[in-house]
Amino acid sequence: MEANLPCRKFDPDLWFSDSPAELELAKSMCGDCPLRLECLAGAVDRAEPWGVWGGEIFERGAVVPRKRPRGRPRKEDAARDAALRVETETRLANSAAAAPRSSVRLAA
């Protein structure tokens, strides 16, 4: 079974890319993974410093809605980030209900 997991089947560097687009691709590949919830819970417990784990992007040990490109964010990016944060919090709350072994901390 392990060989069929997306993170084992494809280049593992994709899950740790600096490119926001590649991280979004990695997130989408986690969607049907049978170990997604366990992977996410483990990453939260370990406070993974970066990468995609369980279909979520981690930065500095916390889940972030999306990877921001370098530089100062534009005003419309700040508004989109706020909306994505609410969506991510809802999705994580639903995941936590399915696998309630740890709390999930979101980045500010």
Protein backbone atom coordinates (compact mmCIF):
# COMPACT_ATOMS: atom_id res chain seq x y z
CA MET A 1 0.00 0.00 0.00
CA GLU A 2 2.80 2.44 0.88
CA ALA A 3 4.06 2.40 -2.72
CA ASN A 4 0.67 3.73 -3.88
CA LEU A 5 0.75 6.80 -1.64
CA PRO A 6 1.20 10.02 -3.65
CA CYS A 7 4.20 11.14 -1.59
CA ARG A 8 5.91 7.80 -2.31
CA LYS A 9 4.80 7.51 -5.93
CA PHE A 10 5.98 10.95 -7.11
CA ASP A 11 9.04 13.11 -6.46
CA PRO A 12 9.06 13.82 -2.70
CA ASP A 13 10.66 17.23 -3.31
CA LEU A 14 7.26 18.38 -4.60
CA TRP A 15 5.95 18.32 -1.01
CA PHE A 16 8.77 20.63 0.12
CA SER A 17 8.94 22.99 -2.85
CA ASP A 18 9.52 26.74 -2.63
CA SER A 19 6.99 27.23 -5.43
CA PRO A 20 3.44 28.04 -4.27
CA ALA A 21 2.04 26.36 -7.41
CA GLU A 22 3.94 23.13 -6.74
CA LEU A 23 2.77 23.08 -3.12
CA GLU A 24 -0.83 23.49 -4.29
CA LEU A 25 -0.28 20.54 -6.64
CA ALA A 26 1.07 18.46 -3.74
CA LYS A 27 -1.95 19.44 -1.61
CA SER A 28 -4.32 18.29 -4.35
CA MET A 29 -2.50 14.96 -4.65
CA CYS A 30 -3.07 14.31 -0.94
CA GLY A 31 -6.85 14.60 -1.36
CA ASP A 32 -7.53 10.91 -2.02
CA CYS A 33 -4.71 9.52 0.13
CA PRO A 34 -6.00 6.93 2.63
CA LEU A 35 -3.51 8.18 5.24
CA ARG A 36 -4.30 11.88 4.87
CA LEU A 37 -5.81 12.38 8.34
CA GLU A 38 -3.09 10.37 10.10
CA CYS A 39 -0.42 12.28 8.17
CA LEU A 40 -1.97 15.63 9.13
CA ALA A 41 -2.36 14.65 12.79
CA GLY A 42 1.25 13.45 12.94
CA ALA A 43 2.53 16.65 11.34
CA VAL A 44 0.58 18.75 13.84
CA ASP A 45 1.93 16.67 16.75
CA ARG A 46 5.49 17.11 15.47
CA ALA A 47 4.97 20.79 14.56
CA GLU A 48 6.52 20.13 11.14
CA PRO A 49 8.57 23.19 10.16
CA TRP A 50 7.58 23.18 6.47
CA GLY A 51 6.10 21.17 3.63
CA VAL A 52 2.78 19.64 2.68
CA TRP A 53 1.48 17.11 5.20
CA GLY A 54 -2.00 15.57 5.07
CA GLY A 55 -3.04 17.97 2.32
CA GLU A 56 -2.12 21.11 4.26
CA ILE A 57 0.84 23.49 3.96
CA PHE A 58 2.98 23.87 7.08
CA GLU A 59 5.24 26.83 7.79
CA ARG A 60 7.13 27.18 11.07
CA GLY A 61 5.08 24.40 12.67
CA ALA A 62 1.66 25.81 11.81
CA VAL A 63 -0.85 25.26 9.01
CA VAL A 64 -1.11 28.13 6.52
CA PRO A 65 -3.82 28.53 3.85
CA ARG A 66 -1.28 29.05 1.06
CA LYS A 67 2.40 29.69 0.55
CA ARG A 68 3.01 33.35 -0.08
CA PRO A 69 5.60 34.44 -2.58
CA ARG A 70 8.51 36.48 -1.25
CA GLY A 71 8.07 40.22 -0.84
CA ARG A 72 5.40 42.50 0.51
CA PRO A 73 1.84 41.20 -0.02
CA ARG A 74 -0.55 43.22 -2.15
CA LYS A 75 -3.83 44.45 -0.63
CA GLU A 76 -5.94 41.98 -2.63
CA ASP A 77 -3.66 39.16 -1.45
CA ALA A 78 -4.36 40.10 2.17
CA ALA A 79 -8.12 39.91 1.57
CA ARG A 80 -7.78 36.56 -0.23
CA ASP A 81 -5.58 35.23 2.58
CA ALA A 82 -8.25 36.16 5.14
CA ALA A 83 -10.88 34.23 3.17
CA LEU A 84 -8.54 31.26 2.70
CA ARG A 85 -7.77 31.27 6.41
CA VAL A 86 -11.47 30.90 7.28
CA GLU A 87 -11.82 28.10 4.72
CA THR A 88 -8.72 26.34 6.07
CA GLU A 89 -9.90 26.66 9.68
CA THR A 90 -13.25 25.11 8.72
CA ARG A 91 -11.59 22.25 6.83
CA LEU A 92 -9.19 21.58 9.72
CA ALA A 93 -12.00 21.65 12.25
CA ASN A 94 -13.84 19.04 10.18
CA SER A 95 -10.65 16.94 9.95
CA ALA A 96 -10.09 17.25 13.68
CA ALA A 97 -13.61 15.98 14.29
CA ALA A 98 -12.75 12.89 12.25
CA ALA A 99 -9.41 12.32 14.02
CA PRO A 100 -9.52 14.20 17.36
CA ARG A 101 -6.07 13.31 18.73
CA SER A 102 -4.42 16.72 18.65
CA SER A 103 -5.22 20.37 18.28
CA VAL A 104 -4.33 22.15 15.07
CA ARG A 105 -2.57 25.52 15.31
CA LEU A 106 -2.93 27.96 12.43
CA ALA A 107 -0.32 30.54 11.60
CA ALA A 108 -1.31 34.15 12.14
